[in-house]
């Protein structure tokens, strides 16, 4: 794997991109839940809850890969523990910022 562009990019920007990717992914899943009845119809049987659980667990995996993939690489391959921990922390700060921005937009609109 080539993480060459990440070598020259600041941790703050990498964490911003990770948080933005996660926020975008969560938005897509939110649209799926919001418009689920229109897309799939009402499913009053086994498949509705089963599909929800599959999407939920897949989302946990995708979220973990988006947020922890590169820090794991830094920790395991590059042996840069402090940088990996800071990257996770910066990403968490960006995610909190996106949450506050979303709440502000909900209040305004």
PDB file of N, CA and C in Angstrom:
ATOM      1  N   UNK A   1       0.845  -1.181   0.000  1.00  0.00           N
ATOM      2  CA  UNK A   1       0.000   0.000   0.000  1.00  0.00           C
ATOM      3  C   UNK A   1       0.885   1.238   0.000  1.00  0.00           C
ATOM      4  N   UNK A   2       0.473   2.214  -0.754  1.00  0.00           N
ATOM      5  CA  UNK A   2       1.249   3.445  -0.820  1.00  0.00           C
ATOM      6  C   UNK A   2       0.523   4.546  -0.069  1.00  0.00           C
ATOM      7  N   UNK A   3       1.103   4.961   1.012  1.00  0.00           N
ATOM      8  CA  UNK A   3       0.574   6.076   1.786  1.00  0.00           C
ATOM      9  C   UNK A   3       1.474   7.298   1.595  1.00  0.00           C
ATOM     10  N   UNK A   4       2.034   7.433   0.389  1.00  0.00           N
ATOM     11  CA  UNK A   4       3.024   8.475   0.113  1.00  0.00           C
ATOM     12  C   UNK A   4       2.474   9.867   0.347  1.00  0.00           C
ATOM     13  N   UNK A   5       1.246  10.135  -0.103  1.00  0.00           N
ATOM     14  CA  UNK A   5       0.696  11.470   0.066  1.00  0.00           C
ATOM     15  C   UNK A   5       0.463  11.795   1.536  1.00  0.00           C
ATOM     16  N   UNK A   6       0.256  10.781   2.356  1.00  0.00           N
ATOM     17  CA  UNK A   6       0.034  11.019   3.779  1.00  0.00           C
ATOM     18  C   UNK A   6       1.323  11.380   4.500  1.00  0.00           C
ATOM     19  N   UNK A   7       2.453  10.996   3.929  1.00  0.00           N
ATOM     20  CA  UNK A   7       3.743  11.322   4.544  1.00  0.00           C
ATOM     21  C   UNK A   7       3.966  12.832   4.553  1.00  0.00           C
ATOM     22  N   UNK A   8       3.483  13.521   3.522  1.00  0.00           N
ATOM     23  CA  UNK A   8       3.727  14.953   3.362  1.00  0.00           C
ATOM     24  C   UNK A   8       2.566  15.799   3.862  1.00  0.00           C
ATOM     25  N   UNK A   9       1.505  15.181   4.331  1.00  0.00           N
ATOM     26  CA  UNK A   9       0.300  15.886   4.750  1.00  0.00           C
ATOM     27  C   UNK A   9       0.251  15.943   6.272  1.00  0.00           C
ATOM     28  N   UNK A  10      -0.265  17.062   6.799  1.00  0.00           N
ATOM     29  CA  UNK A  10      -0.325  17.223   8.253  1.00  0.00           C
ATOM     30  C   UNK A  10      -1.365  16.277   8.853  1.00  0.00           C
ATOM     31  N   UNK A  11      -1.162  15.957  10.115  1.00  0.00           N
ATOM     32  CA  UNK A  11      -2.119  15.095  10.820  1.00  0.00           C
ATOM     33  C   UNK A  11      -3.491  15.753  10.895  1.00  0.00           C
ATOM     34  N   UNK A  12      -3.502  17.068  11.062  1.00  0.00           N
ATOM     35  CA  UNK A  12      -4.782  17.774  11.136  1.00  0.00           C
ATOM     36  C   UNK A  12      -5.606  17.618   9.877  1.00  0.00           C
ATOM     37  N   UNK A  13      -4.956  17.703   8.722  1.00  0.00           N
ATOM     38  CA  UNK A  13      -5.676  17.557   7.457  1.00  0.00           C
ATOM     39  C   UNK A  13      -6.102  16.113   7.223  1.00  0.00           C
ATOM     40  N   UNK A  14      -5.235  15.160   7.553  1.00  0.00           N
ATOM     41  CA  UNK A  14      -5.608  13.753   7.423  1.00  0.00           C
ATOM     42  C   UNK A  14      -6.801  13.438   8.319  1.00  0.00           C
ATOM     43  N   UNK A  15      -6.778  13.945   9.548  1.00  0.00           N
ATOM     44  CA  UNK A  15      -7.895  13.692  10.458  1.00  0.00           C
ATOM     45  C   UNK A  15      -9.172  14.354   9.950  1.00  0.00           C
ATOM     46  N   UNK A  16      -9.041  15.547   9.349  1.00  0.00           N
ATOM     47  CA  UNK A  16     -10.207  16.208   8.756  1.00  0.00           C
ATOM     48  C   UNK A  16     -10.798  15.343   7.647  1.00  0.00           C
ATOM     49  N   UNK A  17      -9.955  14.810   6.767  1.00  0.00           N
ATOM     50  CA  UNK A  17     -10.445  13.960   5.682  1.00  0.00           C
ATOM     51  C   UNK A  17     -11.082  12.680   6.207  1.00  0.00           C
ATOM     52  N   UNK A  18     -10.497  12.093   7.256  1.00  0.00           N
ATOM     53  CA  UNK A  18     -11.086  10.883   7.837  1.00  0.00           C
ATOM     54  C   UNK A  18     -12.458  11.197   8.431  1.00  0.00           C
ATOM     55  N   UNK A  19     -12.549  12.296   9.173  1.00  0.00           N
ATOM     56  CA  UNK A  19     -13.820  12.668   9.791  1.00  0.00           C
ATOM     57  C   UNK A  19     -14.854  13.036   8.723  1.00  0.00           C
ATOM     58  N   UNK A  20     -14.421  13.734   7.679  1.00  0.00           N
ATOM     59  CA  UNK A  20     -15.331  14.099   6.600  1.00  0.00           C
ATOM     60  C   UNK A  20     -15.846  12.847   5.887  1.00  0.00           C
ATOM     61  N   UNK A  21     -14.961  11.889   5.646  1.00  0.00           N
ATOM     62  CA  UNK A  21     -15.384  10.633   5.026  1.00  0.00           C
ATOM     63  C   UNK A  21     -16.394   9.890   5.882  1.00  0.00           C
ATOM     64  N   UNK A  22     -16.147   9.869   7.177  1.00  0.00           N
ATOM     65  CA  UNK A  22     -17.088   9.193   8.083  1.00  0.00           C
ATOM     66  C   UNK A  22     -18.415   9.933   8.136  1.00  0.00           C
ATOM     67  N   UNK A  23     -18.379  11.258   8.178  1.00  0.00           N
ATOM     68  CA  UNK A  23     -19.619  12.043   8.197  1.00  0.00           C
ATOM     69  C   UNK A  23     -20.411  11.824   6.905  1.00  0.00           C
ATOM     70  N   UNK A  24     -19.714  11.784   5.772  1.00  0.00           N
ATOM     71  CA  UNK A  24     -20.376  11.531   4.495  1.00  0.00           C
ATOM     72  C   UNK A  24     -21.001  10.136   4.479  1.00  0.00           C
ATOM     73  N   UNK A  25     -20.265   9.149   4.948  1.00  0.00           N
ATOM     74  CA  UNK A  25     -20.790   7.779   4.997  1.00  0.00           C
ATOM     75  C   UNK A  25     -22.018   7.702   5.908  1.00  0.00           C
ATOM     76  N   UNK A  26     -21.934   8.332   7.072  1.00  0.00           N
ATOM     77  CA  UNK A  26     -23.084   8.333   7.987  1.00  0.00           C
ATOM     78  C   UNK A  26     -24.285   9.028   7.356  1.00  0.00           C
ATOM     79  N   UNK A  27     -24.027  10.079   6.581  1.00  0.00           N
ATOM     80  CA  UNK A  27     -25.112  10.748   5.866  1.00  0.00           C
ATOM     81  C   UNK A  27     -25.789   9.832   4.872  1.00  0.00           C
ATOM     82  N   UNK A  28     -24.992   9.041   4.150  1.00  0.00           N
ATOM     83  CA  UNK A  28     -25.572   8.083   3.205  1.00  0.00           C
ATOM     84  C   UNK A  28     -26.422   7.038   3.916  1.00  0.00           C
ATOM     85  N   UNK A  29     -25.942   6.546   5.043  1.00  0.00           N
ATOM     86  CA  UNK A  29     -26.715   5.566   5.811  1.00  0.00           C
ATOM     87  C   UNK A  29     -27.983   6.212   6.367  1.00  0.00           C
ATOM     88  N   UNK A  30     -27.878   7.476   6.787  1.00  0.00           N
ATOM     89  CA  UNK A  30     -29.056   8.186   7.292  1.00  0.00           C
ATOM     90  C   UNK A  30     -30.111   8.335   6.204  1.00  0.00           C
ATOM     91  N   UNK A  31     -29.680   8.617   4.985  1.00  0.00           N
ATOM     92  CA  UNK A  31     -30.638   8.696   3.871  1.00  0.00           C
ATOM     93  C   UNK A  31     -31.288   7.340   3.636  1.00  0.00           C
ATOM     94  N   UNK A  32     -30.499   6.279   3.736  1.00  0.00           N
ATOM     95  CA  UNK A  32     -31.055   4.936   3.578  1.00  0.00           C
ATOM     96  C   UNK A  32     -32.135   4.667   4.629  1.00  0.00           C
ATOM     97  N   UNK A  33     -31.877   5.044   5.892  1.00  0.00           N
ATOM     98  CA  UNK A  33     -32.878   4.843   6.934  1.00  0.00           C
ATOM     99  C   UNK A  33     -34.079   5.762   6.745  1.00  0.00           C
ATOM    100  N   UNK A  34     -33.829   6.991   6.335  1.00  0.00           N
ATOM    101  CA  UNK A  34     -34.889   7.982   6.172  1.00  0.00           C
ATOM    102  C   UNK A  34     -35.849   7.584   5.044  1.00  0.00           C
ATOM    103  N   UNK A  35     -35.286   7.139   3.927  1.00  0.00           N
ATOM    104  CA  UNK A  35     -36.092   6.797   2.755  1.00  0.00           C
ATOM    105  C   UNK A  35     -36.273   5.293   2.591  1.00  0.00           C
ATOM    106  N   UNK A  36     -35.998   4.527   3.631  1.00  0.00           N
ATOM    107  CA  UNK A  36     -36.053   3.074   3.531  1.00  0.00           C
ATOM    108  C   UNK A  36     -37.407   2.537   3.120  1.00  0.00           C
ATOM    109  N   UNK A  37     -38.480   3.067   3.685  1.00  0.00           N
ATOM    110  CA  UNK A  37     -39.810   2.583   3.323  1.00  0.00           C
ATOM    111  C   UNK A  37     -40.135   2.890   1.874  1.00  0.00           C
ATOM    112  N   UNK A  38     -39.699   4.046   1.380  1.00  0.00           N
ATOM    113  CA  UNK A  38     -39.949   4.375  -0.031  1.00  0.00           C
ATOM    114  C   UNK A  38     -39.128   3.497  -0.961  1.00  0.00           C
ATOM    115  N   UNK A  39     -37.914   3.167  -0.553  1.00  0.00           N
ATOM    116  CA  UNK A  39     -37.045   2.352  -1.404  1.00  0.00           C
ATOM    117  C   UNK A  39     -37.416   0.873  -1.381  1.00  0.00           C
ATOM    118  N   UNK A  40     -37.713   0.363  -0.195  1.00  0.00           N
ATOM    119  CA  UNK A  40     -37.910  -1.080  -0.041  1.00  0.00           C
ATOM    120  C   UNK A  40     -39.340  -1.461   0.307  1.00  0.00           C
ATOM    121  N   UNK A  41     -40.177  -0.488   0.626  1.00  0.00           N
ATOM    122  CA  UNK A  41     -41.526  -0.794   1.071  1.00  0.00           C
ATOM    123  C   UNK A  41     -41.521  -1.185   2.538  1.00  0.00           C
ATOM    124  N   UNK A  42     -42.692  -1.373   3.087  1.00  0.00           N
ATOM    125  CA  UNK A  42     -42.819  -1.784   4.483  1.00  0.00           C
ATOM    126  C   UNK A  42     -42.532  -3.278   4.579  1.00  0.00           C
ATOM    127  N   UNK A  43     -41.574  -3.641   5.421  1.00  0.00           N
ATOM    128  CA  UNK A  43     -41.207  -5.057   5.545  1.00  0.00           C
ATOM    129  C   UNK A  43     -41.531  -5.542   6.956  1.00  0.00           C
ATOM    130  N   UNK A  44     -42.773  -5.989   7.174  1.00  0.00           N
ATOM    131  CA  UNK A  44     -43.156  -6.469   8.506  1.00  0.00           C
ATOM    132  C   UNK A  44     -42.816  -7.942   8.710  1.00  0.00           C
ATOM    133  N   UNK A  45     -41.638  -8.328   8.311  1.00  0.00           N
ATOM    134  CA  UNK A  45     -41.228  -9.725   8.476  1.00  0.00           C
ATOM    135  C   UNK A  45     -39.784  -9.772   8.968  1.00  0.00           C
ATOM    136  N   UNK A  46     -39.204 -10.923   8.875  1.00  0.00           N
ATOM    137  CA  UNK A  46     -37.846 -11.174   9.349  1.00  0.00           C
ATOM    138  C   UNK A  46     -36.800 -10.314   8.664  1.00  0.00           C
ATOM    139  N   UNK A  47     -36.975  -9.990   7.386  1.00  0.00           N
ATOM    140  CA  UNK A  47     -35.925  -9.366   6.593  1.00  0.00           C
ATOM    141  C   UNK A  47     -35.644  -7.918   6.974  1.00  0.00           C
ATOM    142  N   UNK A  48     -36.621  -7.203   7.482  1.00  0.00           N
ATOM    143  CA  UNK A  48     -36.379  -5.821   7.904  1.00  0.00           C
ATOM    144  C   UNK A  48     -35.357  -5.731   9.036  1.00  0.00           C
ATOM    145  N   UNK A  49     -35.600  -6.393  10.168  1.00  0.00           N
ATOM    146  CA  UNK A  49     -34.610  -6.365  11.247  1.00  0.00           C
ATOM    147  C   UNK A  49     -33.277  -7.003  10.855  1.00  0.00           C
ATOM    148  N   UNK A  50     -33.304  -8.058  10.049  1.00  0.00           N
ATOM    149  CA  UNK A  50     -32.054  -8.695   9.618  1.00  0.00           C
ATOM    150  C   UNK A  50     -31.228  -7.733   8.770  1.00  0.00           C
ATOM    151  N   UNK A  51     -31.874  -7.036   7.842  1.00  0.00           N
ATOM    152  CA  UNK A  51     -31.167  -6.068   7.009  1.00  0.00           C
ATOM    153  C   UNK A  51     -30.610  -4.930   7.857  1.00  0.00           C
ATOM    154  N   UNK A  52     -31.386  -4.469   8.844  1.00  0.00           N
ATOM    155  CA  UNK A  52     -30.891  -3.419   9.729  1.00  0.00           C
ATOM    156  C   UNK A  52     -29.621  -3.857  10.455  1.00  0.00           C
ATOM    157  N   UNK A  53     -29.626  -5.069  10.989  1.00  0.00           N
ATOM    158  CA  UNK A  53     -28.450  -5.559  11.718  1.00  0.00           C
ATOM    159  C   UNK A  53     -27.243  -5.734  10.802  1.00  0.00           C
ATOM    160  N   UNK A  54     -27.477  -6.183   9.579  1.00  0.00           N
ATOM    161  CA  UNK A  54     -26.372  -6.322   8.633  1.00  0.00           C
ATOM    162  C   UNK A  54     -25.791  -4.955   8.288  1.00  0.00           C
ATOM    163  N   UNK A  55     -26.653  -3.974   8.024  1.00  0.00           N
ATOM    164  CA  UNK A  55     -26.185  -2.617   7.731  1.00  0.00           C
ATOM    165  C   UNK A  55     -25.480  -2.029   8.952  1.00  0.00           C
ATOM    166  N   UNK A  56     -26.003  -2.281  10.123  1.00  0.00           N
ATOM    167  CA  UNK A  56     -25.416  -1.749  11.356  1.00  0.00           C
ATOM    168  C   UNK A  56     -24.004  -2.299  11.581  1.00  0.00           C
ATOM    169  N   UNK A  57     -23.834  -3.597  11.449  1.00  0.00           N
ATOM    170  CA  UNK A  57     -22.514  -4.182  11.679  1.00  0.00           C
ATOM    171  C   UNK A  57     -21.535  -3.815  10.564  1.00  0.00           C
ATOM    172  N   UNK A  58     -22.027  -3.734   9.338  1.00  0.00           N
ATOM    173  CA  UNK A  58     -21.167  -3.296   8.238  1.00  0.00           C
ATOM    174  C   UNK A  58     -20.743  -1.849   8.441  1.00  0.00           C
ATOM    175  N   UNK A  59     -21.647  -1.022   8.928  1.00  0.00           N
ATOM    176  CA  UNK A  59     -21.307   0.372   9.212  1.00  0.00           C
ATOM    177  C   UNK A  59     -20.260   0.489  10.308  1.00  0.00           C
ATOM    178  N   UNK A  60     -20.336  -0.361  11.293  1.00  0.00           N
ATOM    179  CA  UNK A  60     -19.313  -0.354  12.343  1.00  0.00           C
ATOM    180  C   UNK A  60     -17.949  -0.699  11.754  1.00  0.00           C
ATOM    181  N   UNK A  61     -17.909  -1.669  10.852  1.00  0.00           N
ATOM    182  CA  UNK A  61     -16.657  -2.050  10.212  1.00  0.00           C
ATOM    183  C   UNK A  61     -16.120  -0.923   9.332  1.00  0.00           C
ATOM    184  N   UNK A  62     -16.976  -0.332   8.514  1.00  0.00           N
ATOM    185  CA  UNK A  62     -16.551   0.754   7.632  1.00  0.00           C
ATOM    186  C   UNK A  62     -16.071   1.949   8.456  1.00  0.00           C
ATOM    187  N   UNK A  63     -16.796   2.272   9.518  1.00  0.00           N
ATOM    188  CA  UNK A  63     -16.402   3.384  10.382  1.00  0.00           C
ATOM    189  C   UNK A  63     -15.047   3.130  11.028  1.00  0.00           C
ATOM    190  N   UNK A  64     -14.838   1.920  11.499  1.00  0.00           N
ATOM    191  CA  UNK A  64     -13.547   1.580  12.110  1.00  0.00           C
ATOM    192  C   UNK A  64     -12.416   1.669  11.092  1.00  0.00           C
ATOM    193  N   UNK A  65     -12.664   1.213   9.876  1.00  0.00           N
ATOM    194  CA  UNK A  65     -11.630   1.292   8.848  1.00  0.00           C
ATOM    195  C   UNK A  65     -11.317   2.736   8.479  1.00  0.00           C
ATOM    196  N   UNK A  66     -12.355   3.570   8.370  1.00  0.00           N
ATOM    197  CA  UNK A  66     -12.143   4.975   8.021  1.00  0.00           C
ATOM    198  C   UNK A  66     -11.343   5.718   9.085  1.00  0.00           C
ATOM    199  N   UNK A  67     -11.665   5.468  10.343  1.00  0.00           N
ATOM    200  CA  UNK A  67     -11.056   6.238  11.428  1.00  0.00           C
ATOM    201  C   UNK A  67      -9.771   5.592  11.939  1.00  0.00           C
ATOM    202  N   UNK A  68      -9.693   4.281  11.951  1.00  0.00           N
ATOM    203  CA  UNK A  68      -8.564   3.609  12.585  1.00  0.00           C
ATOM    204  C   UNK A  68      -7.595   2.940  11.615  1.00  0.00           C
ATOM    205  N   UNK A  69      -7.909   2.940  10.326  1.00  0.00           N
ATOM    206  CA  UNK A  69      -7.050   2.264   9.363  1.00  0.00           C
ATOM    207  C   UNK A  69      -5.650   2.843   9.295  1.00  0.00           C
ATOM    208  N   UNK A  70      -5.535   4.130   9.027  1.00  0.00           N
ATOM    209  CA  UNK A  70      -4.218   4.741   8.926  1.00  0.00           C
ATOM    210  C   UNK A  70      -3.505   4.819  10.277  1.00  0.00           C
ATOM    211  N   UNK A  71      -4.202   5.150  11.381  1.00  0.00           N
ATOM    212  CA  UNK A  71      -3.503   5.089  12.669  1.00  0.00           C
ATOM    213  C   UNK A  71      -2.958   3.696  12.985  1.00  0.00           C
ATOM    214  N   UNK A  72      -3.677   2.661  12.610  1.00  0.00           N
ATOM    215  CA  UNK A  72      -3.174   1.310  12.818  1.00  0.00           C
ATOM    216  C   UNK A  72      -1.906   1.085  12.002  1.00  0.00           C
ATOM    217  N   UNK A  73      -1.904   1.571  10.755  1.00  0.00           N
ATOM    218  CA  UNK A  73      -0.710   1.469   9.921  1.00  0.00           C
ATOM    219  C   UNK A  73       0.461   2.208  10.572  1.00  0.00           C
ATOM    220  N   UNK A  74       0.201   3.419  11.079  1.00  0.00           N
ATOM    221  CA  UNK A  74       1.263   4.174  11.741  1.00  0.00           C
ATOM    222  C   UNK A  74       1.796   3.422  12.958  1.00  0.00           C
ATOM    223  N   UNK A  75       0.893   2.841  13.713  1.00  0.00           N
ATOM    224  CA  UNK A  75       1.276   2.127  14.931  1.00  0.00           C
ATOM    225  C   UNK A  75       2.009   0.832  14.616  1.00  0.00           C
ATOM    226  N   UNK A  76       1.454   0.023  13.724  1.00  0.00           N
ATOM    227  CA  UNK A  76       1.966  -1.321  13.498  1.00  0.00           C
ATOM    228  C   UNK A  76       3.181  -1.346  12.569  1.00  0.00           C
ATOM    229  N   UNK A  77       3.106  -0.638  11.447  1.00  0.00           N
ATOM    230  CA  UNK A  77       4.174  -0.687  10.455  1.00  0.00           C
ATOM    231  C   UNK A  77       5.273   0.338  10.718  1.00  0.00           C
ATOM    232  N   UNK A  78       4.865   1.574  10.992  1.00  0.00           N
ATOM    233  CA  UNK A  78       5.833   2.660  11.148  1.00  0.00           C
ATOM    234  C   UNK A  78       6.355   2.808  12.575  1.00  0.00           C
ATOM    235  N   UNK A  79       5.702   2.141  13.522  1.00  0.00           N
ATOM    236  CA  UNK A  79       6.097   2.223  14.943  1.00  0.00           C
ATOM    237  C   UNK A  79       6.056   3.665  15.460  1.00  0.00           C
ATOM    238  N   UNK A  80       5.043   4.427  14.997  1.00  0.00           N
ATOM    239  CA  UNK A  80       4.869   5.822  15.417  1.00  0.00           C
ATOM    240  C   UNK A  80       3.629   5.915  16.300  1.00  0.00           C
ATOM    241  N   UNK A  81       3.766   5.427  17.513  1.00  0.00           N
ATOM    242  CA  UNK A  81       2.630   5.329  18.429  1.00  0.00           C
ATOM    243  C   UNK A  81       2.034   6.690  18.750  1.00  0.00           C
ATOM    244  N   UNK A  82       2.866   7.659  19.079  1.00  0.00           N
ATOM    245  CA  UNK A  82       2.359   8.975  19.452  1.00  0.00           C
ATOM    246  C   UNK A  82       1.607   9.627  18.296  1.00  0.00           C
ATOM    247  N   UNK A  83       2.125   9.492  17.097  1.00  0.00           N
ATOM    248  CA  UNK A  83       1.470  10.069  15.921  1.00  0.00           C
ATOM    249  C   UNK A  83       0.122   9.395  15.684  1.00  0.00           C
ATOM    250  N   UNK A  84       0.063   8.090  15.869  1.00  0.00           N
ATOM    251  CA  UNK A  84      -1.191   7.353  15.690  1.00  0.00           C
ATOM    252  C   UNK A  84      -2.231   7.797  16.711  1.00  0.00           C
ATOM    253  N   UNK A  85      -1.826   7.947  17.959  1.00  0.00           N
ATOM    254  CA  UNK A  85      -2.751   8.375  19.013  1.00  0.00           C
ATOM    255  C   UNK A  85      -3.242   9.797  18.754  1.00  0.00           C
ATOM    256  N   UNK A  86      -2.323  10.677  18.338  1.00  0.00           N
ATOM    257  CA  UNK A  86      -2.735  12.051  18.026  1.00  0.00           C
ATOM    258  C   UNK A  86      -3.702  12.085  16.859  1.00  0.00           C
ATOM    259  N   UNK A  87      -3.481  11.257  15.853  1.00  0.00           N
ATOM    260  CA  UNK A  87      -4.376  11.217  14.696  1.00  0.00           C
ATOM    261  C   UNK A  87      -5.781  10.790  15.101  1.00  0.00           C
ATOM    262  N   UNK A  88      -5.892   9.792  15.948  1.00  0.00           N
ATOM    263  CA  UNK A  88      -7.213   9.367  16.434  1.00  0.00           C
ATOM    264  C   UNK A  88      -7.861  10.500  17.230  1.00  0.00           C
ATOM    265  N   UNK A  89      -7.087  11.165  18.069  1.00  0.00           N
ATOM    266  CA  UNK A  89      -7.612  12.280  18.850  1.00  0.00           C
ATOM    267  C   UNK A  89      -8.076  13.434  17.972  1.00  0.00           C
ATOM    268  N   UNK A  90      -7.275  13.792  16.970  1.00  0.00           N
ATOM    269  CA  UNK A  90      -7.666  14.878  16.056  1.00  0.00           C
ATOM    270  C   UNK A  90      -8.924  14.516  15.283  1.00  0.00           C
ATOM    271  N   UNK A  91      -9.021  13.269  14.869  1.00  0.00           N
ATOM    272  CA  UNK A  91     -10.218  12.834  14.148  1.00  0.00           C
ATOM    273  C   UNK A  91     -11.442  12.930  15.045  1.00  0.00           C
ATOM    274  N   UNK A  92     -11.293  12.557  16.307  1.00  0.00           N
ATOM    275  CA  UNK A  92     -12.411  12.667  17.247  1.00  0.00           C
ATOM    276  C   UNK A  92     -12.825  14.132  17.423  1.00  0.00           C
ATOM    277  N   UNK A  93     -11.856  15.028  17.471  1.00  0.00           N
ATOM    278  CA  UNK A  93     -12.175  16.454  17.601  1.00  0.00           C
ATOM    279  C   UNK A  93     -12.924  16.943  16.360  1.00  0.00           C
ATOM    280  N   UNK A  94     -12.484  16.564  15.186  1.00  0.00           N
ATOM    281  CA  UNK A  94     -13.191  16.936  13.963  1.00  0.00           C
ATOM    282  C   UNK A  94     -14.610  16.369  13.948  1.00  0.00           C
ATOM    283  N   UNK A  95     -14.777  15.133  14.412  1.00  0.00           N
ATOM    284  CA  UNK A  95     -16.121  14.545  14.444  1.00  0.00           C
ATOM    285  C   UNK A  95     -17.037  15.305  15.392  1.00  0.00           C
ATOM    286  N   UNK A  96     -16.524  15.709  16.542  1.00  0.00           N
ATOM    287  CA  UNK A  96     -17.317  16.529  17.467  1.00  0.00           C
ATOM    288  C   UNK A  96     -17.671  17.855  16.804  1.00  0.00           C
ATOM    289  N   UNK A  97     -16.725  18.434  16.074  1.00  0.00           N
ATOM    290  CA  UNK A  97     -17.005  19.671  15.344  1.00  0.00           C
ATOM    291  C   UNK A  97     -18.107  19.490  14.317  1.00  0.00           C
ATOM    292  N   UNK A  98     -18.085  18.370  13.593  1.00  0.00           N
ATOM    293  CA  UNK A  98     -19.151  18.098  12.623  1.00  0.00           C
ATOM    294  C   UNK A  98     -20.501  17.896  13.310  1.00  0.00           C
ATOM    295  N   UNK A  99     -20.492  17.266  14.478  1.00  0.00           N
ATOM    296  CA  UNK A  99     -21.738  17.096  15.237  1.00  0.00           C
ATOM    297  C   UNK A  99     -22.291  18.460  15.646  1.00  0.00           C
ATOM    298  N   UNK A 100     -21.425  19.320  16.150  1.00  0.00           N
ATOM    299  CA  UNK A 100     -21.873  20.662  16.552  1.00  0.00           C
ATOM    300  C   UNK A 100     -22.374  21.452  15.349  1.00  0.00           C
ATOM    301  N   UNK A 101     -21.710  21.327  14.216  1.00  0.00           N
ATOM    302  CA  UNK A 101     -22.161  21.998  13.000  1.00  0.00           C
ATOM    303  C   UNK A 101     -23.537  21.479  12.572  1.00  0.00           C
ATOM    304  N   UNK A 102     -23.725  20.176  12.637  1.00  0.00           N
ATOM    305  CA  UNK A 102     -25.030  19.591  12.266  1.00  0.00           C
ATOM    306  C   UNK A 102     -26.116  20.062  13.221  1.00  0.00           C
ATOM    307  N   UNK A 103     -25.811  20.115  14.526  1.00  0.00           N
ATOM    308  CA  UNK A 103     -26.800  20.606  15.477  1.00  0.00           C
ATOM    309  C   UNK A 103     -27.142  22.065  15.226  1.00  0.00           C
ATOM    310  N   UNK A 104     -26.136  22.856  14.891  1.00  0.00           N
ATOM    311  CA  UNK A 104     -26.360  24.263  14.578  1.00  0.00           C
ATOM    312  C   UNK A 104     -27.251  24.411  13.345  1.00  0.00           C
ATOM    313  N   UNK A 105     -26.996  23.594  12.329  1.00  0.00           N
ATOM    314  CA  UNK A 105     -27.834  23.641  11.127  1.00  0.00           C
ATOM    315  C   UNK A 105     -29.264  23.205  11.403  1.00  0.00           C
ATOM    316  N   UNK A 106     -29.445  22.218  12.289  1.00  0.00           N
ATOM    317  CA  UNK A 106     -30.794  21.782  12.660  1.00  0.00           C
ATOM    318  C   UNK A 106     -31.529  22.899  13.393  1.00  0.00           C
ATOM    319  N   UNK A 107     -30.824  23.611  14.260  1.00  0.00           N
ATOM    320  CA  UNK A 107     -31.449  24.702  15.011  1.00  0.00           C
ATOM    321  C   UNK A 107     -31.813  25.853  14.084  1.00  0.00           C
ATOM    322  N   UNK A 108     -30.921  26.189  13.159  1.00  0.00           N
ATOM    323  CA  UNK A 108     -31.168  27.321  12.264  1.00  0.00           C
ATOM    324  C   UNK A 108     -32.281  27.002  11.267  1.00  0.00           C
ATOM    325  N   UNK A 109     -32.252  25.817  10.678  1.00  0.00           N
ATOM    326  CA  UNK A 109     -33.245  25.471   9.663  1.00  0.00           C
ATOM    327  C   UNK A 109     -34.293  24.595  10.257  1.00  0.00           C
TER     328      UNK A 109
END
